[in-house]
């Protein structure tokens, strides 16, 4: 994972990175001072609905809409 994060940072210091995956090494993220906007950990076999909700949560924070989103 660190290779991908380093590659993204080399291309853009301002990139907003959201990590989605299983068995995320939080210690590595902290130790290497990787700046990520969000982490969605799917280790607990989260449902697609949960993951989708989390993605929309982060995207809404990055790109706030002028109209409220309907709750499903």
PDB file of N, CA and C in Angstrom:
ATOM      1  N   UNK A   1       0.829  -1.192   0.000  1.00  0.00           N
ATOM      2  CA  UNK A   1       0.000   0.000   0.000  1.00  0.00           C
ATOM      3  C   UNK A   1       0.872   1.253   0.000  1.00  0.00           C
ATOM      4  N   UNK A   2       2.001   1.210   0.706  1.00  0.00           N
ATOM      5  CA  UNK A   2       2.824   2.416   0.812  1.00  0.00           C
ATOM      6  C   UNK A   2       3.336   2.886  -0.544  1.00  0.00           C
ATOM      7  N   UNK A   3       3.600   1.955  -1.470  1.00  0.00           N
ATOM      8  CA  UNK A   3       4.063   2.345  -2.807  1.00  0.00           C
ATOM      9  C   UNK A   3       3.016   3.205  -3.505  1.00  0.00           C
ATOM     10  N   UNK A   4       1.754   2.789  -3.421  1.00  0.00           N
ATOM     11  CA  UNK A   4       0.682   3.537  -4.077  1.00  0.00           C
ATOM     12  C   UNK A   4       0.507   4.921  -3.459  1.00  0.00           C
ATOM     13  N   UNK A   5       0.558   4.985  -2.139  1.00  0.00           N
ATOM     14  CA  UNK A   5       0.410   6.274  -1.465  1.00  0.00           C
ATOM     15  C   UNK A   5       1.562   7.215  -1.804  1.00  0.00           C
ATOM     16  N   UNK A   6       2.761   6.682  -1.821  1.00  0.00           N
ATOM     17  CA  UNK A   6       3.922   7.505  -2.163  1.00  0.00           C
ATOM     18  C   UNK A   6       3.823   7.996  -3.610  1.00  0.00           C
ATOM     19  N   UNK A   7       3.379   7.119  -4.504  1.00  0.00           N
ATOM     20  CA  UNK A   7       3.230   7.492  -5.911  1.00  0.00           C
ATOM     21  C   UNK A   7       2.191   8.606  -6.079  1.00  0.00           C
ATOM     22  N   UNK A   8       1.075   8.488  -5.388  1.00  0.00           N
ATOM     23  CA  UNK A   8       0.033   9.524  -5.467  1.00  0.00           C
ATOM     24  C   UNK A   8       0.571  10.843  -4.931  1.00  0.00           C
ATOM     25  N   UNK A   9       1.282  10.816  -3.801  1.00  0.00           N
ATOM     26  CA  UNK A   9       1.826  12.033  -3.205  1.00  0.00           C
ATOM     27  C   UNK A   9       2.857  12.702  -4.113  1.00  0.00           C
ATOM     28  N   UNK A  10       3.634  11.902  -4.835  1.00  0.00           N
ATOM     29  CA  UNK A  10       4.617  12.485  -5.747  1.00  0.00           C
ATOM     30  C   UNK A  10       3.932  13.239  -6.878  1.00  0.00           C
ATOM     31  N   UNK A  11       2.761  12.775  -7.260  1.00  0.00           N
ATOM     32  CA  UNK A  11       2.024  13.427  -8.344  1.00  0.00           C
ATOM     33  C   UNK A  11       1.254  14.648  -7.856  1.00  0.00           C
ATOM     34  N   UNK A  12       0.775  14.591  -6.612  1.00  0.00           N
ATOM     35  CA  UNK A  12      -0.001  15.706  -6.083  1.00  0.00           C
ATOM     36  C   UNK A  12       0.080  15.744  -4.561  1.00  0.00           C
ATOM     37  N   UNK A  13       0.618  16.823  -4.042  1.00  0.00           N
ATOM     38  CA  UNK A  13       0.678  17.005  -2.591  1.00  0.00           C
ATOM     39  C   UNK A  13      -0.704  17.262  -2.001  1.00  0.00           C
ATOM     40  N   UNK A  14      -1.624  17.743  -2.816  1.00  0.00           N
ATOM     41  CA  UNK A  14      -2.948  18.121  -2.320  1.00  0.00           C
ATOM     42  C   UNK A  14      -4.015  17.059  -2.559  1.00  0.00           C
ATOM     43  N   UNK A  15      -3.632  15.899  -3.067  1.00  0.00           N
ATOM     44  CA  UNK A  15      -4.606  14.853  -3.364  1.00  0.00           C
ATOM     45  C   UNK A  15      -5.333  14.421  -2.094  1.00  0.00           C
ATOM     46  N   UNK A  16      -6.632  14.232  -2.208  1.00  0.00           N
ATOM     47  CA  UNK A  16      -7.437  13.703  -1.107  1.00  0.00           C
ATOM     48  C   UNK A  16      -7.569  12.202  -1.316  1.00  0.00           C
ATOM     49  N   UNK A  17      -6.890  11.431  -0.486  1.00  0.00           N
ATOM     50  CA  UNK A  17      -6.827   9.984  -0.648  1.00  0.00           C
ATOM     51  C   UNK A  17      -7.808   9.327   0.310  1.00  0.00           C
ATOM     52  N   UNK A  18      -8.642   8.443  -0.244  1.00  0.00           N
ATOM     53  CA  UNK A  18      -9.551   7.625   0.559  1.00  0.00           C
ATOM     54  C   UNK A  18      -9.150   6.177   0.321  1.00  0.00           C
ATOM     55  N   UNK A  19      -8.761   5.488   1.381  1.00  0.00           N
ATOM     56  CA  UNK A  19      -8.336   4.092   1.277  1.00  0.00           C
ATOM     57  C   UNK A  19      -9.539   3.206   1.557  1.00  0.00           C
ATOM     58  N   UNK A  20      -9.778   2.246   0.671  1.00  0.00           N
ATOM     59  CA  UNK A  20     -10.842   1.260   0.858  1.00  0.00           C
ATOM     60  C   UNK A  20     -10.185  -0.108   0.760  1.00  0.00           C
ATOM     61  N   UNK A  21     -10.283  -0.919   1.817  1.00  0.00           N
ATOM     62  CA  UNK A  21      -9.666  -2.232   1.750  1.00  0.00           C
ATOM     63  C   UNK A  21      -9.728  -2.983   3.058  1.00  0.00           C
ATOM     64  N   UNK A  22      -9.191  -4.197   3.013  1.00  0.00           N
ATOM     65  CA  UNK A  22      -9.140  -5.069   4.184  1.00  0.00           C
ATOM     66  C   UNK A  22      -7.759  -5.012   4.808  1.00  0.00           C
ATOM     67  N   UNK A  23      -7.708  -5.308   6.077  1.00  0.00           N
ATOM     68  CA  UNK A  23      -6.445  -5.430   6.810  1.00  0.00           C
ATOM     69  C   UNK A  23      -5.527  -4.237   6.569  1.00  0.00           C
ATOM     70  N   UNK A  24      -6.039  -3.058   6.788  1.00  0.00           N
ATOM     71  CA  UNK A  24      -5.269  -1.829   6.597  1.00  0.00           C
ATOM     72  C   UNK A  24      -4.275  -1.687   7.744  1.00  0.00           C
ATOM     73  N   UNK A  25      -3.043  -1.417   7.407  1.00  0.00           N
ATOM     74  CA  UNK A  25      -1.981  -1.278   8.406  1.00  0.00           C
ATOM     75  C   UNK A  25      -1.959   0.166   8.910  1.00  0.00           C
ATOM     76  N   UNK A  26      -2.753   0.429   9.939  1.00  0.00           N
ATOM     77  CA  UNK A  26      -2.847   1.780  10.498  1.00  0.00           C
ATOM     78  C   UNK A  26      -1.508   2.233  11.078  1.00  0.00           C
ATOM     79  N   UNK A  27      -0.767   1.294  11.638  1.00  0.00           N
ATOM     80  CA  UNK A  27       0.554   1.613  12.192  1.00  0.00           C
ATOM     81  C   UNK A  27       1.476   2.153  11.096  1.00  0.00           C
ATOM     82  N   UNK A  28       1.450   1.529   9.926  1.00  0.00           N
ATOM     83  CA  UNK A  28       2.271   1.997   8.803  1.00  0.00           C
ATOM     84  C   UNK A  28       1.838   3.393   8.355  1.00  0.00           C
ATOM     85  N   UNK A  29       0.535   3.620   8.304  1.00  0.00           N
ATOM     86  CA  UNK A  29       0.039   4.949   7.919  1.00  0.00           C
ATOM     87  C   UNK A  29       0.559   6.012   8.880  1.00  0.00           C
ATOM     88  N   UNK A  30       0.499   5.706  10.170  1.00  0.00           N
ATOM     89  CA  UNK A  30       0.944   6.652  11.192  1.00  0.00           C
ATOM     90  C   UNK A  30       2.463   6.824  11.168  1.00  0.00           C
ATOM     91  N   UNK A  31       3.171   5.703  11.130  1.00  0.00           N
ATOM     92  CA  UNK A  31       4.636   5.721  11.191  1.00  0.00           C
ATOM     93  C   UNK A  31       5.245   6.493  10.014  1.00  0.00           C
ATOM     94  N   UNK A  32       4.659   6.360   8.835  1.00  0.00           N
ATOM     95  CA  UNK A  32       5.197   7.016   7.642  1.00  0.00           C
ATOM     96  C   UNK A  32       4.559   8.372   7.359  1.00  0.00           C
ATOM     97  N   UNK A  33       3.709   8.814   8.270  1.00  0.00           N
ATOM     98  CA  UNK A  33       3.067  10.130   8.151  1.00  0.00           C
ATOM     99  C   UNK A  33       2.297  10.289   6.840  1.00  0.00           C
ATOM    100  N   UNK A  34       1.653   9.214   6.396  1.00  0.00           N
ATOM    101  CA  UNK A  34       0.844   9.311   5.184  1.00  0.00           C
ATOM    102  C   UNK A  34      -0.400  10.129   5.490  1.00  0.00           C
ATOM    103  N   UNK A  35      -0.664  11.112   4.665  1.00  0.00           N
ATOM    104  CA  UNK A  35      -1.849  11.945   4.849  1.00  0.00           C
ATOM    105  C   UNK A  35      -2.966  11.371   3.990  1.00  0.00           C
ATOM    106  N   UNK A  36      -3.960  10.832   4.639  1.00  0.00           N
ATOM    107  CA  UNK A  36      -5.117  10.308   3.917  1.00  0.00           C
ATOM    108  C   UNK A  36      -6.355  11.034   4.413  1.00  0.00           C
ATOM    109  N   UNK A  37      -7.299  11.218   3.515  1.00  0.00           N
ATOM    110  CA  UNK A  37      -8.526  11.915   3.862  1.00  0.00           C
ATOM    111  C   UNK A  37      -9.472  10.994   4.623  1.00  0.00           C
ATOM    112  N   UNK A  38      -9.473   9.718   4.255  1.00  0.00           N
ATOM    113  CA  UNK A  38     -10.366   8.785   4.924  1.00  0.00           C
ATOM    114  C   UNK A  38      -9.945   7.347   4.723  1.00  0.00           C
ATOM    115  N   UNK A  39     -10.451   6.491   5.595  1.00  0.00           N
ATOM    116  CA  UNK A  39     -10.181   5.061   5.521  1.00  0.00           C
ATOM    117  C   UNK A  39     -11.499   4.325   5.693  1.00  0.00           C
ATOM    118  N   UNK A  40     -11.792   3.424   4.765  1.00  0.00           N
ATOM    119  CA  UNK A  40     -12.965   2.558   4.876  1.00  0.00           C
ATOM    120  C   UNK A  40     -12.427   1.136   4.964  1.00  0.00           C
ATOM    121  N   UNK A  41     -12.476   0.577   6.162  1.00  0.00           N
ATOM    122  CA  UNK A  41     -11.922  -0.752   6.418  1.00  0.00           C
ATOM    123  C   UNK A  41     -13.015  -1.795   6.197  1.00  0.00           C
ATOM    124  N   UNK A  42     -12.789  -2.698   5.250  1.00  0.00           N
ATOM    125  CA  UNK A  42     -13.786  -3.725   4.927  1.00  0.00           C
ATOM    126  C   UNK A  42     -13.436  -5.073   5.548  1.00  0.00           C
ATOM    127  N   UNK A  43     -12.539  -5.093   6.545  1.00  0.00           N
ATOM    128  CA  UNK A  43     -12.120  -6.343   7.179  1.00  0.00           C
ATOM    129  C   UNK A  43     -13.277  -7.080   7.839  1.00  0.00           C
ATOM    130  N   UNK A  44     -14.250  -6.348   8.295  1.00  0.00           N
ATOM    131  CA  UNK A  44     -15.386  -6.951   8.992  1.00  0.00           C
ATOM    132  C   UNK A  44     -16.483  -7.386   8.026  1.00  0.00           C
ATOM    133  N   UNK A  45     -16.143  -7.566   6.747  1.00  0.00           N
ATOM    134  CA  UNK A  45     -17.113  -7.951   5.717  1.00  0.00           C
ATOM    135  C   UNK A  45     -18.324  -7.029   5.732  1.00  0.00           C
ATOM    136  N   UNK A  46     -18.055  -5.739   5.652  1.00  0.00           N
ATOM    137  CA  UNK A  46     -19.125  -4.746   5.640  1.00  0.00           C
ATOM    138  C   UNK A  46     -19.972  -4.917   4.380  1.00  0.00           C
ATOM    139  N   UNK A  47     -21.232  -4.614   4.497  1.00  0.00           N
ATOM    140  CA  UNK A  47     -22.139  -4.724   3.360  1.00  0.00           C
ATOM    141  C   UNK A  47     -21.823  -3.650   2.329  1.00  0.00           C
ATOM    142  N   UNK A  48     -22.251  -3.889   1.100  1.00  0.00           N
ATOM    143  CA  UNK A  48     -22.063  -2.910   0.038  1.00  0.00           C
ATOM    144  C   UNK A  48     -22.742  -1.599   0.407  1.00  0.00           C
ATOM    145  N   UNK A  49     -23.911  -1.685   1.029  1.00  0.00           N
ATOM    146  CA  UNK A  49     -24.634  -0.484   1.441  1.00  0.00           C
ATOM    147  C   UNK A  49     -23.839   0.358   2.418  1.00  0.00           C
ATOM    148  N   UNK A  50     -23.168  -0.294   3.367  1.00  0.00           N
ATOM    149  CA  UNK A  50     -22.339   0.423   4.339  1.00  0.00           C
ATOM    150  C   UNK A  50     -21.170   1.114   3.640  1.00  0.00           C
ATOM    151  N   UNK A  51     -20.489   0.388   2.763  1.00  0.00           N
ATOM    152  CA  UNK A  51     -19.336   0.951   2.054  1.00  0.00           C
ATOM    153  C   UNK A  51     -19.773   2.120   1.190  1.00  0.00           C
ATOM    154  N   UNK A  52     -20.885   1.970   0.509  1.00  0.00           N
ATOM    155  CA  UNK A  52     -21.425   3.038  -0.340  1.00  0.00           C
ATOM    156  C   UNK A  52     -21.734   4.283   0.495  1.00  0.00           C
ATOM    157  N   UNK A  53     -22.348   4.067   1.650  1.00  0.00           N
ATOM    158  CA  UNK A  53     -22.683   5.179   2.549  1.00  0.00           C
ATOM    159  C   UNK A  53     -21.420   5.913   3.005  1.00  0.00           C
ATOM    160  N   UNK A  54     -20.383   5.163   3.342  1.00  0.00           N
ATOM    161  CA  UNK A  54     -19.123   5.764   3.772  1.00  0.00           C
ATOM    162  C   UNK A  54     -18.465   6.555   2.638  1.00  0.00           C
ATOM    163  N   UNK A  55     -18.495   6.009   1.431  1.00  0.00           N
ATOM    164  CA  UNK A  55     -17.924   6.720   0.279  1.00  0.00           C
ATOM    165  C   UNK A  55     -18.651   8.030   0.072  1.00  0.00           C
ATOM    166  N   UNK A  56     -19.983   7.997   0.096  1.00  0.00           N
ATOM    167  CA  UNK A  56     -20.758   9.228  -0.078  1.00  0.00           C
ATOM    168  C   UNK A  56     -20.473  10.226   1.046  1.00  0.00           C
ATOM    169  N   UNK A  57     -20.260   9.719   2.256  1.00  0.00           N
ATOM    170  CA  UNK A  57     -19.927  10.590   3.390  1.00  0.00           C
ATOM    171  C   UNK A  57     -18.647  11.383   3.098  1.00  0.00           C
ATOM    172  N   UNK A  58     -17.614  10.695   2.649  1.00  0.00           N
ATOM    173  CA  UNK A  58     -16.348  11.368   2.342  1.00  0.00           C
ATOM    174  C   UNK A  58     -16.490  12.296   1.144  1.00  0.00           C
ATOM    175  N   UNK A  59     -17.207  11.857   0.113  1.00  0.00           N
ATOM    176  CA  UNK A  59     -17.376  12.707  -1.071  1.00  0.00           C
ATOM    177  C   UNK A  59     -18.180  13.960  -0.748  1.00  0.00           C
ATOM    178  N   UNK A  60     -19.184  13.826   0.110  1.00  0.00           N
ATOM    179  CA  UNK A  60     -19.962  15.002   0.525  1.00  0.00           C
ATOM    180  C   UNK A  60     -19.087  16.003   1.280  1.00  0.00           C
ATOM    181  N   UNK A  61     -18.131  15.491   2.054  1.00  0.00           N
ATOM    182  CA  UNK A  61     -17.221  16.386   2.768  1.00  0.00           C
ATOM    183  C   UNK A  61     -16.288  17.112   1.797  1.00  0.00           C
ATOM    184  N   UNK A  62     -15.884  16.414   0.745  1.00  0.00           N
ATOM    185  CA  UNK A  62     -14.997  17.029  -0.249  1.00  0.00           C
ATOM    186  C   UNK A  62     -15.733  17.976  -1.182  1.00  0.00           C
ATOM    187  N   UNK A  63     -16.919  17.561  -1.596  1.00  0.00           N
ATOM    188  CA  UNK A  63     -17.693  18.313  -2.587  1.00  0.00           C
ATOM    189  C   UNK A  63     -19.108  18.545  -2.072  1.00  0.00           C
ATOM    190  N   UNK A  64     -19.276  19.470  -1.141  1.00  0.00           N
ATOM    191  CA  UNK A  64     -20.614  19.696  -0.574  1.00  0.00           C
ATOM    192  C   UNK A  64     -21.597  20.134  -1.656  1.00  0.00           C
ATOM    193  N   UNK A  65     -22.758  19.521  -1.641  1.00  0.00           N
ATOM    194  CA  UNK A  65     -23.780  19.873  -2.629  1.00  0.00           C
ATOM    195  C   UNK A  65     -24.670  20.982  -2.078  1.00  0.00           C
ATOM    196  N   UNK A  66     -25.327  21.661  -2.978  1.00  0.00           N
ATOM    197  CA  UNK A  66     -26.235  22.738  -2.589  1.00  0.00           C
ATOM    198  C   UNK A  66     -27.608  22.194  -2.207  1.00  0.00           C
ATOM    199  N   UNK A  67     -27.920  20.988  -2.665  1.00  0.00           N
ATOM    200  CA  UNK A  67     -29.215  20.394  -2.354  1.00  0.00           C
ATOM    201  C   UNK A  67     -29.001  19.204  -1.431  1.00  0.00           C
ATOM    202  N   UNK A  68     -29.880  19.031  -0.455  1.00  0.00           N
ATOM    203  CA  UNK A  68     -29.720  17.901   0.466  1.00  0.00           C
ATOM    204  C   UNK A  68     -29.938  16.572  -0.251  1.00  0.00           C
ATOM    205  N   UNK A  69     -29.161  15.571   0.143  1.00  0.00           N
ATOM    206  CA  UNK A  69     -29.270  14.230  -0.425  1.00  0.00           C
ATOM    207  C   UNK A  69     -30.420  13.483   0.250  1.00  0.00           C
ATOM    208  N   UNK A  70     -31.183  12.736  -0.548  1.00  0.00           N
ATOM    209  CA  UNK A  70     -32.279  11.940   0.008  1.00  0.00           C
ATOM    210  C   UNK A  70     -31.708  10.789   0.814  1.00  0.00           C
ATOM    211  N   UNK A  71     -32.317  10.505   1.946  1.00  0.00           N
ATOM    212  CA  UNK A  71     -31.920   9.348   2.750  1.00  0.00           C
ATOM    213  C   UNK A  71     -32.578   8.119   2.170  1.00  0.00           C
ATOM    214  N   UNK A  72     -31.819   7.041   2.113  1.00  0.00           N
ATOM    215  CA  UNK A  72     -32.371   5.781   1.587  1.00  0.00           C
ATOM    216  C   UNK A  72     -32.568   4.792   2.682  1.00  0.00           C
TER     217      UNK A  72
END
